[in-house]
């Protein structure tokens, strides 16, 4: 449920939806959102970004955005983001034990900063959906921690989790937290356009999923 705290410089959820839809209109034109199941599965199986890369979490994200049953592929990972996405769209069991109680979700000594930031944001993206009411406070803590500790431009310019920051920017009670979350969300949206002048195809699909999340916030209000 959206409980906005009015502030003249903070965009509304509706404004964010309009902005993100404008960013992704071009890149998403070739994605078979309304295609047949056969077309969707062919797109998922053959998907590569503009740089020829494919990640372990791509299949789960694409299955969710295309609204088709998840079928595990040949790429897996021990990283936390993959485990969260498997819990969200797949058959993985309990994910609660994956949640750390303080700071971020990832061991800071296990990864280089760029990879760590990507995993943190990608995991947060899925965790926002997984978290029930009792876990929502932990999501808020993670968003606030990100705005204090990590810069989104260390995460290879992909807008993972942007909906979590947008939600915090309108729901947090403290002005400082709202403004920090808004700036983080804006940076995520801007950075994914740096390389190509628009979102790359994976970033556009991420933004599509985040737009769907923001729409769900309005419909549940």
C-alpha atoms as a PDB file:
ATOM      1  CA  UNK A   1       0.000   0.000   0.000  1.00  0.00           C
ATOM      2  CA  UNK A   2       1.313   3.436  -0.898  1.00  0.00           C
ATOM      3  CA  UNK A   3       1.391   5.889   1.992  1.00  0.00           C
ATOM      4  CA  UNK A   4       3.089   8.917   0.419  1.00  0.00           C
ATOM      5  CA  UNK A   5       4.545  11.744   2.433  1.00  0.00           C
ATOM      6  CA  UNK A   6       4.162  14.858   0.301  1.00  0.00           C
ATOM      7  CA  UNK A   7       7.354  16.584  -0.769  1.00  0.00           C
ATOM      8  CA  UNK A   8       7.528  18.943  -3.751  1.00  0.00           C
ATOM      9  CA  UNK A   9      10.767  17.505  -5.160  1.00  0.00           C
ATOM     10  CA  UNK A  10       9.924  13.799  -4.910  1.00  0.00           C
ATOM     11  CA  UNK A  11       8.163  12.255  -7.933  1.00  0.00           C
ATOM     12  CA  UNK A  12       5.009  10.271  -7.313  1.00  0.00           C
ATOM     13  CA  UNK A  13       4.671   6.584  -8.149  1.00  0.00           C
ATOM     14  CA  UNK A  14       2.596   7.548 -11.182  1.00  0.00           C
ATOM     15  CA  UNK A  15       5.317   9.926 -12.379  1.00  0.00           C
ATOM     16  CA  UNK A  16       7.937   7.226 -11.999  1.00  0.00           C
ATOM     17  CA  UNK A  17       5.830   4.787 -14.002  1.00  0.00           C
ATOM     18  CA  UNK A  18       5.504   7.311 -16.816  1.00  0.00           C
ATOM     19  CA  UNK A  19       9.220   8.050 -16.776  1.00  0.00           C
ATOM     20  CA  UNK A  20      10.273   4.396 -16.843  1.00  0.00           C
ATOM     21  CA  UNK A  21       7.768   3.505 -19.545  1.00  0.00           C
ATOM     22  CA  UNK A  22       9.210   6.286 -21.682  1.00  0.00           C
ATOM     23  CA  UNK A  23      12.743   4.953 -21.192  1.00  0.00           C
ATOM     24  CA  UNK A  24      11.933   1.388 -22.182  1.00  0.00           C
ATOM     25  CA  UNK A  25       9.451   1.922 -25.032  1.00  0.00           C
ATOM     26  CA  UNK A  26      12.104   1.485 -27.727  1.00  0.00           C
ATOM     27  CA  UNK A  27      14.222  -1.312 -26.248  1.00  0.00           C
ATOM     28  CA  UNK A  28      11.157  -3.368 -25.253  1.00  0.00           C
ATOM     29  CA  UNK A  29       9.594  -3.218 -28.708  1.00  0.00           C
ATOM     30  CA  UNK A  30      11.252  -6.495 -29.712  1.00  0.00           C
ATOM     31  CA  UNK A  31      10.367  -8.380 -26.525  1.00  0.00           C
ATOM     32  CA  UNK A  32       7.350 -10.698 -27.052  1.00  0.00           C
ATOM     33  CA  UNK A  33       5.344  -9.555 -24.020  1.00  0.00           C
ATOM     34  CA  UNK A  34       2.111 -10.474 -25.817  1.00  0.00           C
ATOM     35  CA  UNK A  35       3.552 -13.316 -27.865  1.00  0.00           C
ATOM     36  CA  UNK A  36       2.661 -16.978 -27.835  1.00  0.00           C
ATOM     37  CA  UNK A  37       4.223 -19.316 -25.292  1.00  0.00           C
ATOM     38  CA  UNK A  38       6.389 -20.713 -28.077  1.00  0.00           C
ATOM     39  CA  UNK A  39       7.632 -17.242 -28.987  1.00  0.00           C
ATOM     40  CA  UNK A  40       8.327 -16.408 -25.366  1.00  0.00           C
ATOM     41  CA  UNK A  41      10.277 -19.605 -24.707  1.00  0.00           C
ATOM     42  CA  UNK A  42      12.314 -19.121 -27.883  1.00  0.00           C
ATOM     43  CA  UNK A  43      13.151 -15.580 -26.783  1.00  0.00           C
ATOM     44  CA  UNK A  44      14.199 -16.760 -23.323  1.00  0.00           C
ATOM     45  CA  UNK A  45      16.313 -19.624 -24.680  1.00  0.00           C
ATOM     46  CA  UNK A  46      18.161 -17.414 -27.164  1.00  0.00           C
ATOM     47  CA  UNK A  47      18.426 -14.263 -25.072  1.00  0.00           C
ATOM     48  CA  UNK A  48      21.719 -12.391 -25.013  1.00  0.00           C
ATOM     49  CA  UNK A  49      22.299  -8.727 -24.287  1.00  0.00           C
ATOM     50  CA  UNK A  50      23.897  -6.317 -26.755  1.00  0.00           C
ATOM     51  CA  UNK A  51      27.320  -7.492 -25.603  1.00  0.00           C
ATOM     52  CA  UNK A  52      26.569 -11.193 -26.123  1.00  0.00           C
ATOM     53  CA  UNK A  53      26.371 -11.907 -22.406  1.00  0.00           C
ATOM     54  CA  UNK A  54      23.885 -14.027 -20.501  1.00  0.00           C
ATOM     55  CA  UNK A  55      23.665 -14.311 -16.712  1.00  0.00           C
ATOM     56  CA  UNK A  56      22.334 -16.992 -14.370  1.00  0.00           C
ATOM     57  CA  UNK A  57      19.429 -14.760 -13.316  1.00  0.00           C
ATOM     58  CA  UNK A  58      18.313 -13.843 -16.857  1.00  0.00           C
ATOM     59  CA  UNK A  59      16.019 -16.817 -17.311  1.00  0.00           C
ATOM     60  CA  UNK A  60      14.158 -16.156 -14.064  1.00  0.00           C
ATOM     61  CA  UNK A  61      13.741 -12.451 -14.820  1.00  0.00           C
ATOM     62  CA  UNK A  62      12.536 -13.111 -18.359  1.00  0.00           C
ATOM     63  CA  UNK A  63      10.086 -15.769 -17.205  1.00  0.00           C
ATOM     64  CA  UNK A  64       8.608 -13.318 -14.741  1.00  0.00           C
ATOM     65  CA  UNK A  65       8.333 -10.398 -17.158  1.00  0.00           C
ATOM     66  CA  UNK A  66       6.941 -12.573 -19.966  1.00  0.00           C
ATOM     67  CA  UNK A  67       4.547 -14.271 -17.512  1.00  0.00           C
ATOM     68  CA  UNK A  68       5.414 -17.796 -18.465  1.00  0.00           C
ATOM     69  CA  UNK A  69       6.290 -20.760 -16.277  1.00  0.00           C
ATOM     70  CA  UNK A  70       9.909 -20.902 -15.190  1.00  0.00           C
ATOM     71  CA  UNK A  71      12.079 -23.646 -16.630  1.00  0.00           C
ATOM     72  CA  UNK A  72      15.621 -23.848 -15.210  1.00  0.00           C
ATOM     73  CA  UNK A  73      18.385 -23.540 -17.752  1.00  0.00           C
ATOM     74  CA  UNK A  74      21.981 -24.622 -18.021  1.00  0.00           C
ATOM     75  CA  UNK A  75      23.427 -21.648 -16.119  1.00  0.00           C
ATOM     76  CA  UNK A  76      23.388 -21.702 -12.332  1.00  0.00           C
ATOM     77  CA  UNK A  77      25.237 -19.827  -9.615  1.00  0.00           C
ATOM     78  CA  UNK A  78      26.015 -19.955  -5.923  1.00  0.00           C
ATOM     79  CA  UNK A  79      25.545 -16.198  -5.661  1.00  0.00           C
ATOM     80  CA  UNK A  80      22.797 -14.864  -3.428  1.00  0.00           C
ATOM     81  CA  UNK A  81      20.908 -13.049  -6.181  1.00  0.00           C
ATOM     82  CA  UNK A  82      20.456 -16.281  -8.123  1.00  0.00           C
ATOM     83  CA  UNK A  83      19.186 -18.025  -4.987  1.00  0.00           C
ATOM     84  CA  UNK A  84      16.626 -15.303  -4.353  1.00  0.00           C
ATOM     85  CA  UNK A  85      15.410 -15.393  -7.948  1.00  0.00           C
ATOM     86  CA  UNK A  86      15.132 -19.183  -7.797  1.00  0.00           C
ATOM     87  CA  UNK A  87      12.948 -18.740  -4.719  1.00  0.00           C
ATOM     88  CA  UNK A  88      10.827 -16.107  -6.436  1.00  0.00           C
ATOM     89  CA  UNK A  89      10.032 -17.925  -9.682  1.00  0.00           C
ATOM     90  CA  UNK A  90      11.303 -21.459  -9.174  1.00  0.00           C
ATOM     91  CA  UNK A  91      10.921 -24.295  -6.748  1.00  0.00           C
ATOM     92  CA  UNK A  92      13.609 -23.439  -4.231  1.00  0.00           C
ATOM     93  CA  UNK A  93      12.463 -24.005  -0.654  1.00  0.00           C
ATOM     94  CA  UNK A  94      12.942 -21.700   2.304  1.00  0.00           C
ATOM     95  CA  UNK A  95      14.830 -18.498   1.571  1.00  0.00           C
ATOM     96  CA  UNK A  96      14.537 -16.914   5.012  1.00  0.00           C
ATOM     97  CA  UNK A  97      17.898 -18.260   6.094  1.00  0.00           C
ATOM     98  CA  UNK A  98      19.497 -16.190   3.334  1.00  0.00           C
ATOM     99  CA  UNK A  99      18.587 -12.932   5.069  1.00  0.00           C
ATOM    100  CA  UNK A 100      21.349 -11.312   7.094  1.00  0.00           C
ATOM    101  CA  UNK A 101      20.235  -9.254  10.074  1.00  0.00           C
ATOM    102  CA  UNK A 102      22.605  -6.322   9.633  1.00  0.00           C
ATOM    103  CA  UNK A 103      24.222  -4.343   6.823  1.00  0.00           C
ATOM    104  CA  UNK A 104      23.838  -5.787   3.331  1.00  0.00           C
ATOM    105  CA  UNK A 105      23.050  -9.287   2.127  1.00  0.00           C
ATOM    106  CA  UNK A 106      26.484 -10.240   0.793  1.00  0.00           C
ATOM    107  CA  UNK A 107      29.765 -10.977   2.545  1.00  0.00           C
ATOM    108  CA  UNK A 108      31.795  -7.830   1.758  1.00  0.00           C
ATOM    109  CA  UNK A 109      35.037  -9.825   1.668  1.00  0.00           C
ATOM    110  CA  UNK A 110      33.832 -12.349  -0.909  1.00  0.00           C
ATOM    111  CA  UNK A 111      33.595 -10.160  -4.013  1.00  0.00           C
ATOM    112  CA  UNK A 112      35.029  -7.167  -5.780  1.00  0.00           C
ATOM    113  CA  UNK A 113      32.906  -4.073  -5.195  1.00  0.00           C
ATOM    114  CA  UNK A 114      31.328  -4.073  -8.687  1.00  0.00           C
ATOM    115  CA  UNK A 115      30.206  -7.694  -8.476  1.00  0.00           C
ATOM    116  CA  UNK A 116      29.072  -7.282  -4.901  1.00  0.00           C
ATOM    117  CA  UNK A 117      26.957  -4.239  -5.768  1.00  0.00           C
ATOM    118  CA  UNK A 118      25.319  -6.086  -8.637  1.00  0.00           C
ATOM    119  CA  UNK A 119      24.477  -9.073  -6.423  1.00  0.00           C
ATOM    120  CA  UNK A 120      23.162  -6.843  -3.632  1.00  0.00           C
ATOM    121  CA  UNK A 121      20.867  -4.924  -5.974  1.00  0.00           C
ATOM    122  CA  UNK A 122      19.699  -7.980  -7.921  1.00  0.00           C
ATOM    123  CA  UNK A 123      18.944  -9.828  -4.672  1.00  0.00           C
ATOM    124  CA  UNK A 124      17.115  -6.786  -3.271  1.00  0.00           C
ATOM    125  CA  UNK A 125      15.023  -6.651  -6.460  1.00  0.00           C
ATOM    126  CA  UNK A 126      13.699 -10.179  -5.807  1.00  0.00           C
ATOM    127  CA  UNK A 127      13.567  -9.823  -2.016  1.00  0.00           C
ATOM    128  CA  UNK A 128      11.151  -6.889  -2.357  1.00  0.00           C
ATOM    129  CA  UNK A 129       8.623  -9.337  -3.826  1.00  0.00           C
ATOM    130  CA  UNK A 130       9.386 -12.207  -1.468  1.00  0.00           C
ATOM    131  CA  UNK A 131       9.188 -10.253   1.761  1.00  0.00           C
ATOM    132  CA  UNK A 132       5.954 -10.588   3.676  1.00  0.00           C
ATOM    133  CA  UNK A 133       4.799  -7.886   6.078  1.00  0.00           C
ATOM    134  CA  UNK A 134       7.165  -9.063   8.805  1.00  0.00           C
ATOM    135  CA  UNK A 135      10.110  -8.688   6.415  1.00  0.00           C
ATOM    136  CA  UNK A 136       9.199  -5.308   4.946  1.00  0.00           C
ATOM    137  CA  UNK A 137      11.178  -3.514   7.639  1.00  0.00           C
ATOM    138  CA  UNK A 138      14.291  -5.432   6.550  1.00  0.00           C
ATOM    139  CA  UNK A 139      13.707  -4.337   2.948  1.00  0.00           C
ATOM    140  CA  UNK A 140      13.550  -0.722   4.121  1.00  0.00           C
ATOM    141  CA  UNK A 141      16.741  -1.198   6.123  1.00  0.00           C
ATOM    142  CA  UNK A 142      18.495  -2.591   3.057  1.00  0.00           C
ATOM    143  CA  UNK A 143      17.373   0.322   0.890  1.00  0.00           C
ATOM    144  CA  UNK A 144      18.651   2.805   3.475  1.00  0.00           C
ATOM    145  CA  UNK A 145      21.905   0.859   3.801  1.00  0.00           C
ATOM    146  CA  UNK A 146      22.420   0.966   0.019  1.00  0.00           C
ATOM    147  CA  UNK A 147      21.990   4.732  -0.063  1.00  0.00           C
ATOM    148  CA  UNK A 148      24.610   5.094   2.684  1.00  0.00           C
ATOM    149  CA  UNK A 149      27.181   2.479   1.710  1.00  0.00           C
ATOM    150  CA  UNK A 150      27.094   1.633  -2.011  1.00  0.00           C
ATOM    151  CA  UNK A 151      27.093   3.715  -5.157  1.00  0.00           C
ATOM    152  CA  UNK A 152      24.848   2.314  -7.921  1.00  0.00           C
ATOM    153  CA  UNK A 153      27.433   3.169 -10.587  1.00  0.00           C
ATOM    154  CA  UNK A 154      29.622   0.381  -9.169  1.00  0.00           C
ATOM    155  CA  UNK A 155      27.047  -2.183 -10.327  1.00  0.00           C
ATOM    156  CA  UNK A 156      27.716  -2.255 -14.108  1.00  0.00           C
ATOM    157  CA  UNK A 157      24.955   0.268 -14.800  1.00  0.00           C
ATOM    158  CA  UNK A 158      21.961  -2.031 -14.408  1.00  0.00           C
ATOM    159  CA  UNK A 159      18.867  -0.709 -12.560  1.00  0.00           C
ATOM    160  CA  UNK A 160      18.209  -3.713 -10.332  1.00  0.00           C
ATOM    161  CA  UNK A 161      15.881  -2.950  -7.437  1.00  0.00           C
ATOM    162  CA  UNK A 162      14.861   0.505  -8.594  1.00  0.00           C
ATOM    163  CA  UNK A 163      11.273  -0.080  -7.470  1.00  0.00           C
ATOM    164  CA  UNK A 164      12.472  -0.644  -3.902  1.00  0.00           C
ATOM    165  CA  UNK A 165      14.128   2.779  -3.875  1.00  0.00           C
ATOM    166  CA  UNK A 166      11.138   4.467  -5.505  1.00  0.00           C
ATOM    167  CA  UNK A 167       8.816   2.933  -2.919  1.00  0.00           C
ATOM    168  CA  UNK A 168      11.052   4.103  -0.091  1.00  0.00           C
ATOM    169  CA  UNK A 169      11.194   7.601  -1.572  1.00  0.00           C
ATOM    170  CA  UNK A 170       7.452   8.022  -1.110  1.00  0.00           C
ATOM    171  CA  UNK A 171       6.896   5.929   2.014  1.00  0.00           C
ATOM    172  CA  UNK A 172       9.746   6.756   4.416  1.00  0.00           C
ATOM    173  CA  UNK A 173       8.769   9.027   7.264  1.00  0.00           C
ATOM    174  CA  UNK A 174      12.057  10.919   7.433  1.00  0.00           C
ATOM    175  CA  UNK A 175      12.757  13.442   4.683  1.00  0.00           C
ATOM    176  CA  UNK A 176      16.440  12.521   4.512  1.00  0.00           C
ATOM    177  CA  UNK A 177      15.596   8.886   3.794  1.00  0.00           C
ATOM    178  CA  UNK A 178      13.043   9.822   1.144  1.00  0.00           C
ATOM    179  CA  UNK A 179      15.470  12.127  -0.653  1.00  0.00           C
ATOM    180  CA  UNK A 180      18.346   9.629  -0.503  1.00  0.00           C
ATOM    181  CA  UNK A 181      16.157   6.866  -1.931  1.00  0.00           C
ATOM    182  CA  UNK A 182      14.918   9.167  -4.697  1.00  0.00           C
ATOM    183  CA  UNK A 183      18.455  10.135  -5.702  1.00  0.00           C
ATOM    184  CA  UNK A 184      19.528   6.496  -5.705  1.00  0.00           C
ATOM    185  CA  UNK A 185      16.614   5.564  -7.945  1.00  0.00           C
ATOM    186  CA  UNK A 186      17.364   8.440 -10.316  1.00  0.00           C
ATOM    187  CA  UNK A 187      21.009   7.396 -10.537  1.00  0.00           C
ATOM    188  CA  UNK A 188      20.046   3.797 -11.318  1.00  0.00           C
ATOM    189  CA  UNK A 189      17.727   4.989 -14.097  1.00  0.00           C
ATOM    190  CA  UNK A 190      20.299   7.404 -15.542  1.00  0.00           C
ATOM    191  CA  UNK A 191      23.268   5.042 -15.391  1.00  0.00           C
ATOM    192  CA  UNK A 192      21.618   2.307 -17.442  1.00  0.00           C
ATOM    193  CA  UNK A 193      21.425   4.777 -20.337  1.00  0.00           C
ATOM    194  CA  UNK A 194      25.091   5.792 -20.307  1.00  0.00           C
ATOM    195  CA  UNK A 195      26.548   3.231 -22.714  1.00  0.00           C
ATOM    196  CA  UNK A 196      23.916   3.267 -25.476  1.00  0.00           C
ATOM    197  CA  UNK A 197      22.069   6.509 -24.773  1.00  0.00           C
ATOM    198  CA  UNK A 198      19.082   4.413 -23.721  1.00  0.00           C
ATOM    199  CA  UNK A 199      18.603   1.343 -21.523  1.00  0.00           C
ATOM    200  CA  UNK A 200      20.285  -1.765 -22.901  1.00  0.00           C
ATOM    201  CA  UNK A 201      17.900  -4.671 -23.452  1.00  0.00           C
ATOM    202  CA  UNK A 202      18.523  -6.333 -20.061  1.00  0.00           C
ATOM    203  CA  UNK A 203      18.136  -3.008 -18.245  1.00  0.00           C
ATOM    204  CA  UNK A 204      14.889  -2.372 -20.129  1.00  0.00           C
ATOM    205  CA  UNK A 205      13.537  -5.758 -19.023  1.00  0.00           C
ATOM    206  CA  UNK A 206      14.583  -5.014 -15.431  1.00  0.00           C
ATOM    207  CA  UNK A 207      12.804  -1.650 -15.649  1.00  0.00           C
ATOM    208  CA  UNK A 208       9.715  -3.352 -17.075  1.00  0.00           C
ATOM    209  CA  UNK A 209       9.570  -5.624 -14.042  1.00  0.00           C
ATOM    210  CA  UNK A 210      10.061  -2.652 -11.723  1.00  0.00           C
ATOM    211  CA  UNK A 211       7.303  -0.746 -13.532  1.00  0.00           C
ATOM    212  CA  UNK A 212       5.022  -3.732 -12.966  1.00  0.00           C
ATOM    213  CA  UNK A 213       5.944  -3.624  -9.278  1.00  0.00           C
ATOM    214  CA  UNK A 214       5.099   0.062  -9.022  1.00  0.00           C
ATOM    215  CA  UNK A 215       1.773  -0.519 -10.751  1.00  0.00           C
ATOM    216  CA  UNK A 216       0.988  -3.211  -8.212  1.00  0.00           C
ATOM    217  CA  UNK A 217       1.588  -0.704  -5.425  1.00  0.00           C
ATOM    218  CA  UNK A 218      -1.063   1.589  -6.867  1.00  0.00           C
ATOM    219  CA  UNK A 219      -3.559  -1.214  -7.479  1.00  0.00           C
ATOM    220  CA  UNK A 220      -3.158  -2.430  -3.882  1.00  0.00           C
ATOM    221  CA  UNK A 221      -3.583   1.031  -2.387  1.00  0.00           C
END
